[in-house]
Each structure stands twice: as structure tokens, then as C-alpha cells.
């Protein structure tokens, strides 16, 4: 192997420097008004949240009641309701995964 003077050779950047340079150039491209090439679809939940929907209003009184019941040892878990909601959630996730 022949070793020459470094100032005569072009040096390639390290992988981490290439990645940070690519991120900087993509950020600069976004600021220059370049057209995006990806399409993004938002879920119904995100759409409701961004639209300011009041369907999911935080009920502080309900949270306090549940907290008090847990603290007092009076809170009862309904395993059937939890199981039903887990099954529905899994079905939704599997249905969405099949559409990709």
C-alpha cells in the first residue's frame, strides 16, 4: 500500500457527517418551496383534534372520582369491558395494516 500526502487527496466525509449534511439539505429544500413528494393521510382522531372538536373533552371531575375510588380501594375493574376494547383495537389495527 502506497501512502501519499494527505493534502493531495480528496477526503470523503464520515457516514455521520453525510447523514447530517443530507438532513440539512432536506431542511433547506423544504424552506425553498420545493414540492413535497409524499402524501400524508391523517386519521379521523387527528383530524378531530386539529379541528378543535370537543368530543374528547377532559373531565377533571371524572378523573378525580376514579382517583378517589382507587385510593380508597373501591375501584372495580371490568375485565370483560377491557377485553372487548382490546379486541376491537386489535381488529382496527389489523384492518389498517391490511390496507397498506
N, C-alpha and C. Protein backbone atom coordinates (compact mmCIF):
# COMPACT_ATOMS: atom_id res chain seq x y z
N UNK A 1 0.84 -1.17 0.00
CA UNK A 1 0.00 0.00 0.00
C UNK A 1 0.89 1.23 0.00
N UNK A 2 0.58 2.14 -0.90
CA UNK A 2 1.36 3.35 -1.02
C UNK A 2 0.67 4.49 -0.28
N UNK A 3 1.42 5.17 0.56
CA UNK A 3 0.86 6.28 1.33
C UNK A 3 1.43 7.57 0.78
N UNK A 4 0.54 8.48 0.37
CA UNK A 4 0.98 9.76 -0.16
C UNK A 4 0.64 10.87 0.81
N UNK A 5 0.80 12.11 0.32
CA UNK A 5 0.49 13.27 1.15
C UNK A 5 -1.02 13.45 1.21
N UNK A 6 -1.54 13.72 2.40
CA UNK A 6 -2.98 13.89 2.59
C UNK A 6 -3.52 15.12 1.89
N UNK A 7 -2.76 16.20 1.82
CA UNK A 7 -3.28 17.41 1.20
C UNK A 7 -3.52 17.24 -0.30
N UNK A 8 -2.96 16.20 -0.89
CA UNK A 8 -3.17 15.94 -2.31
C UNK A 8 -4.38 15.04 -2.58
N UNK A 9 -4.92 14.45 -1.56
CA UNK A 9 -6.02 13.51 -1.70
C UNK A 9 -7.34 14.15 -1.26
N UNK A 10 -8.43 13.79 -1.96
CA UNK A 10 -9.74 14.27 -1.50
C UNK A 10 -10.23 13.34 -0.41
N UNK A 11 -10.77 13.91 0.63
CA UNK A 11 -11.22 13.14 1.78
C UNK A 11 -12.74 13.07 1.73
N UNK A 12 -13.27 11.86 1.86
CA UNK A 12 -14.73 11.72 1.89
C UNK A 12 -15.21 11.86 3.32
N UNK A 13 -16.39 12.47 3.53
CA UNK A 13 -16.89 12.66 4.89
C UNK A 13 -17.31 11.34 5.52
N UNK A 14 -17.28 11.29 6.84
CA UNK A 14 -17.73 10.11 7.56
C UNK A 14 -19.23 9.94 7.37
N UNK A 15 -19.72 8.74 7.64
CA UNK A 15 -21.14 8.45 7.44
C UNK A 15 -22.02 9.40 8.24
N UNK A 16 -21.65 9.70 9.49
CA UNK A 16 -22.46 10.60 10.31
C UNK A 16 -22.49 12.01 9.72
N UNK A 17 -21.38 12.45 9.12
CA UNK A 17 -21.35 13.77 8.50
C UNK A 17 -22.20 13.80 7.25
N UNK A 18 -22.22 12.70 6.50
CA UNK A 18 -23.05 12.63 5.30
C UNK A 18 -24.53 12.70 5.67
N UNK A 19 -24.91 11.99 6.76
CA UNK A 19 -26.31 11.99 7.20
C UNK A 19 -26.74 13.38 7.65
N UNK A 20 -25.89 14.05 8.45
CA UNK A 20 -26.26 15.38 8.92
C UNK A 20 -26.31 16.36 7.77
N UNK A 21 -25.46 16.20 6.80
CA UNK A 21 -25.48 17.06 5.61
C UNK A 21 -26.74 16.84 4.81
N UNK A 22 -27.19 15.59 4.71
CA UNK A 22 -28.42 15.29 3.97
C UNK A 22 -29.62 15.86 4.69
N UNK A 23 -29.61 15.80 6.01
CA UNK A 23 -30.73 16.36 6.78
C UNK A 23 -30.77 17.87 6.61
N UNK A 24 -29.60 18.50 6.60
CA UNK A 24 -29.56 19.95 6.43
C UNK A 24 -30.03 20.35 5.04
N UNK A 25 -29.65 19.56 4.02
CA UNK A 25 -30.06 19.91 2.67
C UNK A 25 -31.56 19.68 2.48
N UNK A 26 -32.12 18.66 3.15
CA UNK A 26 -33.57 18.44 3.02
C UNK A 26 -34.33 19.54 3.75
N UNK A 27 -33.78 20.04 4.85
CA UNK A 27 -34.42 21.15 5.55
C UNK A 27 -34.36 22.40 4.69
N UNK A 28 -33.24 22.62 4.05
CA UNK A 28 -33.10 23.79 3.19
C UNK A 28 -34.04 23.68 2.00
N UNK A 29 -34.23 22.47 1.48
CA UNK A 29 -35.13 22.27 0.33
C UNK A 29 -36.56 22.57 0.75
N UNK A 30 -36.93 22.21 1.98
CA UNK A 30 -38.27 22.49 2.47
C UNK A 30 -38.52 23.97 2.60
N UNK A 31 -37.50 24.74 2.93
CA UNK A 31 -37.65 26.18 3.10
C UNK A 31 -37.66 26.91 1.77
N UNK A 32 -37.10 26.27 0.74
CA UNK A 32 -37.02 26.95 -0.55
C UNK A 32 -38.30 26.81 -1.35
N UNK A 33 -39.29 26.12 -0.83
CA UNK A 33 -40.55 25.98 -1.53
C UNK A 33 -40.59 24.78 -2.46
N UNK A 34 -39.70 23.83 -2.29
CA UNK A 34 -39.70 22.64 -3.12
C UNK A 34 -40.98 21.84 -2.86
N UNK A 35 -41.50 21.23 -3.88
CA UNK A 35 -42.74 20.48 -3.76
C UNK A 35 -42.48 19.15 -3.07
N UNK A 36 -43.34 18.79 -2.12
CA UNK A 36 -43.20 17.54 -1.40
C UNK A 36 -43.58 16.38 -2.30
N UNK A 37 -42.90 15.25 -2.12
CA UNK A 37 -43.18 14.10 -2.95
C UNK A 37 -44.00 13.04 -2.23
N UNK A 38 -44.31 13.24 -0.96
CA UNK A 38 -45.07 12.25 -0.20
C UNK A 38 -46.46 12.78 0.11
N UNK A 39 -47.41 11.86 0.17
CA UNK A 39 -48.76 12.22 0.55
C UNK A 39 -49.02 11.68 1.94
N UNK A 40 -49.59 12.49 2.79
CA UNK A 40 -49.85 12.10 4.17
C UNK A 40 -51.35 12.08 4.38
N UNK A 41 -51.86 11.00 4.96
CA UNK A 41 -53.29 10.89 5.29
C UNK A 41 -53.41 10.85 6.81
N UNK A 42 -54.21 11.74 7.35
CA UNK A 42 -54.40 11.80 8.80
C UNK A 42 -55.59 10.94 9.21
N UNK A 43 -55.49 10.35 10.39
CA UNK A 43 -56.59 9.54 10.90
C UNK A 43 -57.74 10.46 11.32
N UNK A 44 -58.90 9.86 11.52
CA UNK A 44 -60.07 10.63 11.95
C UNK A 44 -59.83 11.29 13.30
N UNK A 45 -59.11 10.61 14.19
CA UNK A 45 -58.82 11.16 15.51
C UNK A 45 -57.97 12.42 15.40
N UNK A 46 -56.94 12.36 14.59
CA UNK A 46 -56.07 13.54 14.41
C UNK A 46 -56.85 14.67 13.77
N UNK A 47 -57.68 14.34 12.80
CA UNK A 47 -58.49 15.36 12.15
C UNK A 47 -59.41 16.05 13.14
N UNK A 48 -60.03 15.27 14.03
CA UNK A 48 -60.90 15.86 15.06
C UNK A 48 -60.11 16.73 16.02
N UNK A 49 -58.94 16.25 16.41
CA UNK A 49 -58.13 17.02 17.36
C UNK A 49 -57.66 18.33 16.76
N UNK A 50 -57.23 18.30 15.51
CA UNK A 50 -56.75 19.52 14.89
C UNK A 50 -57.89 20.48 14.56
N UNK A 51 -59.10 19.95 14.39
CA UNK A 51 -60.25 20.80 14.08
C UNK A 51 -60.83 21.42 15.35
N UNK A 52 -60.30 21.04 16.51
CA UNK A 52 -60.79 21.61 17.76
C UNK A 52 -62.09 20.97 18.22
N UNK A 53 -62.31 19.72 17.85
CA UNK A 53 -63.52 19.02 18.26
C UNK A 53 -63.58 18.91 19.78
N UNK A 54 -64.77 19.03 20.33
CA UNK A 54 -64.93 18.95 21.79
C UNK A 54 -65.43 17.58 22.22
N UNK A 55 -65.38 16.59 21.31
CA UNK A 55 -65.85 15.25 21.66
C UNK A 55 -64.99 14.62 22.76
N UNK A 56 -63.70 14.89 22.78
CA UNK A 56 -62.79 14.30 23.74
C UNK A 56 -62.45 15.24 24.86
N UNK A 57 -63.43 15.94 25.39
CA UNK A 57 -63.20 16.92 26.45
C UNK A 57 -62.71 16.20 27.70
N UNK A 58 -61.72 16.78 28.32
CA UNK A 58 -61.16 16.25 29.56
C UNK A 58 -62.12 16.51 30.70
N UNK A 59 -62.52 15.46 31.39
CA UNK A 59 -63.46 15.57 32.50
C UNK A 59 -62.69 15.43 33.81
N UNK A 60 -62.28 16.55 34.38
CA UNK A 60 -61.47 16.54 35.60
C UNK A 60 -62.23 15.93 36.77
N UNK A 61 -63.54 16.14 36.83
CA UNK A 61 -64.34 15.57 37.92
C UNK A 61 -64.34 14.05 37.86
N UNK A 62 -64.44 13.50 36.65
CA UNK A 62 -64.44 12.04 36.49
C UNK A 62 -63.08 11.47 36.89
N UNK A 63 -62.02 12.15 36.49
CA UNK A 63 -60.68 11.70 36.86
C UNK A 63 -60.53 11.71 38.38
N UNK A 64 -61.04 12.75 39.01
CA UNK A 64 -60.95 12.84 40.47
C UNK A 64 -61.74 11.72 41.14
N UNK A 65 -62.93 11.41 40.62
CA UNK A 65 -63.75 10.32 41.18
C UNK A 65 -63.01 8.98 41.07
N UNK A 66 -62.42 8.74 39.92
CA UNK A 66 -61.70 7.48 39.73
C UNK A 66 -60.47 7.43 40.63
N UNK A 67 -59.77 8.55 40.72
CA UNK A 67 -58.60 8.61 41.59
C UNK A 67 -58.97 8.35 43.05
N UNK A 68 -60.06 8.94 43.49
CA UNK A 68 -60.53 8.72 44.86
C UNK A 68 -60.90 7.27 45.09
N UNK A 69 -61.59 6.67 44.11
CA UNK A 69 -62.00 5.26 44.23
C UNK A 69 -60.79 4.34 44.31
N UNK A 70 -59.76 4.63 43.50
CA UNK A 70 -58.54 3.82 43.54
C UNK A 70 -57.86 3.97 44.89
N UNK A 71 -57.75 5.20 45.35
CA UNK A 71 -57.09 5.47 46.64
C UNK A 71 -57.82 4.79 47.78
N UNK A 72 -59.16 4.79 47.73
CA UNK A 72 -59.96 4.19 48.80
C UNK A 72 -60.14 2.68 48.64
N UNK A 73 -59.62 2.12 47.56
CA UNK A 73 -59.74 0.68 47.33
C UNK A 73 -61.13 0.26 46.85
N UNK A 74 -61.90 1.19 46.33
CA UNK A 74 -63.27 0.90 45.89
C UNK A 74 -63.40 0.77 44.37
N UNK A 75 -62.32 1.03 43.64
CA UNK A 75 -62.39 0.96 42.19
C UNK A 75 -62.43 -0.49 41.74
N UNK A 76 -63.42 -0.83 40.90
CA UNK A 76 -63.56 -2.19 40.40
C UNK A 76 -63.26 -2.22 38.91
N UNK A 77 -62.39 -3.15 38.53
CA UNK A 77 -62.01 -3.31 37.13
C UNK A 77 -63.01 -4.24 36.46
N UNK A 78 -63.47 -3.87 35.27
CA UNK A 78 -64.38 -4.70 34.50
C UNK A 78 -63.57 -5.40 33.41
N UNK A 79 -63.12 -6.64 33.66
CA UNK A 79 -62.25 -7.32 32.70
C UNK A 79 -62.93 -7.59 31.35
N UNK A 80 -64.25 -7.78 31.35
CA UNK A 80 -64.96 -8.03 30.09
C UNK A 80 -64.90 -6.78 29.19
N UNK A 81 -65.10 -5.62 29.78
CA UNK A 81 -65.04 -4.38 29.00
C UNK A 81 -63.64 -4.15 28.46
N UNK A 82 -62.64 -4.42 29.27
CA UNK A 82 -61.25 -4.25 28.82
C UNK A 82 -60.96 -5.22 27.68
N UNK A 83 -61.37 -6.47 27.83
CA UNK A 83 -61.13 -7.46 26.78
C UNK A 83 -61.83 -7.08 25.48
N UNK A 84 -63.07 -6.62 25.58
CA UNK A 84 -63.81 -6.21 24.39
C UNK A 84 -63.12 -5.06 23.67
N UNK A 85 -62.66 -4.08 24.41
CA UNK A 85 -61.99 -2.93 23.80
C UNK A 85 -60.64 -3.31 23.21
N UNK A 86 -59.93 -4.24 23.84
CA UNK A 86 -58.66 -4.72 23.28
C UNK A 86 -58.89 -5.44 21.96
N UNK A 87 -59.94 -6.24 21.89
CA UNK A 87 -60.25 -6.97 20.66
C UNK A 87 -60.61 -6.00 19.54
N UNK A 88 -61.44 -5.00 19.85
CA UNK A 88 -61.81 -4.00 18.84
C UNK A 88 -60.58 -3.24 18.36
N UNK A 89 -59.72 -2.88 19.29
CA UNK A 89 -58.50 -2.16 18.95
C UNK A 89 -57.61 -3.01 18.04
N UNK A 90 -57.44 -4.28 18.37
CA UNK A 90 -56.61 -5.18 17.56
C UNK A 90 -57.21 -5.34 16.17
N UNK A 91 -58.54 -5.46 16.09
CA UNK A 91 -59.19 -5.59 14.79
C UNK A 91 -58.96 -4.34 13.94
N UNK A 92 -59.04 -3.17 14.55
CA UNK A 92 -58.80 -1.93 13.82
C UNK A 92 -57.37 -1.86 13.31
N UNK A 93 -56.42 -2.25 14.15
CA UNK A 93 -55.02 -2.23 13.76
C UNK A 93 -54.75 -3.22 12.63
N UNK A 94 -55.31 -4.41 12.74
CA UNK A 94 -55.11 -5.42 11.70
C UNK A 94 -55.78 -5.01 10.41
N UNK A 95 -56.94 -4.37 10.51
CA UNK A 95 -57.64 -3.89 9.32
C UNK A 95 -56.85 -2.80 8.64
N UNK A 96 -56.26 -1.90 9.40
CA UNK A 96 -55.44 -0.82 8.83
C UNK A 96 -54.16 -1.37 8.24
N UNK A 97 -53.60 -2.40 8.86
CA UNK A 97 -52.34 -2.97 8.35
C UNK A 97 -52.57 -3.66 7.02
N UNK A 98 -53.75 -4.24 6.82
CA UNK A 98 -54.05 -4.91 5.57
C UNK A 98 -54.25 -3.96 4.42
N UNK A 99 -54.55 -2.69 4.70
CA UNK A 99 -54.80 -1.69 3.67
C UNK A 99 -53.52 -1.08 3.13
N UNK A 100 -52.40 -1.30 3.80
CA UNK A 100 -51.13 -0.68 3.39
C UNK A 100 -50.55 -1.34 2.22
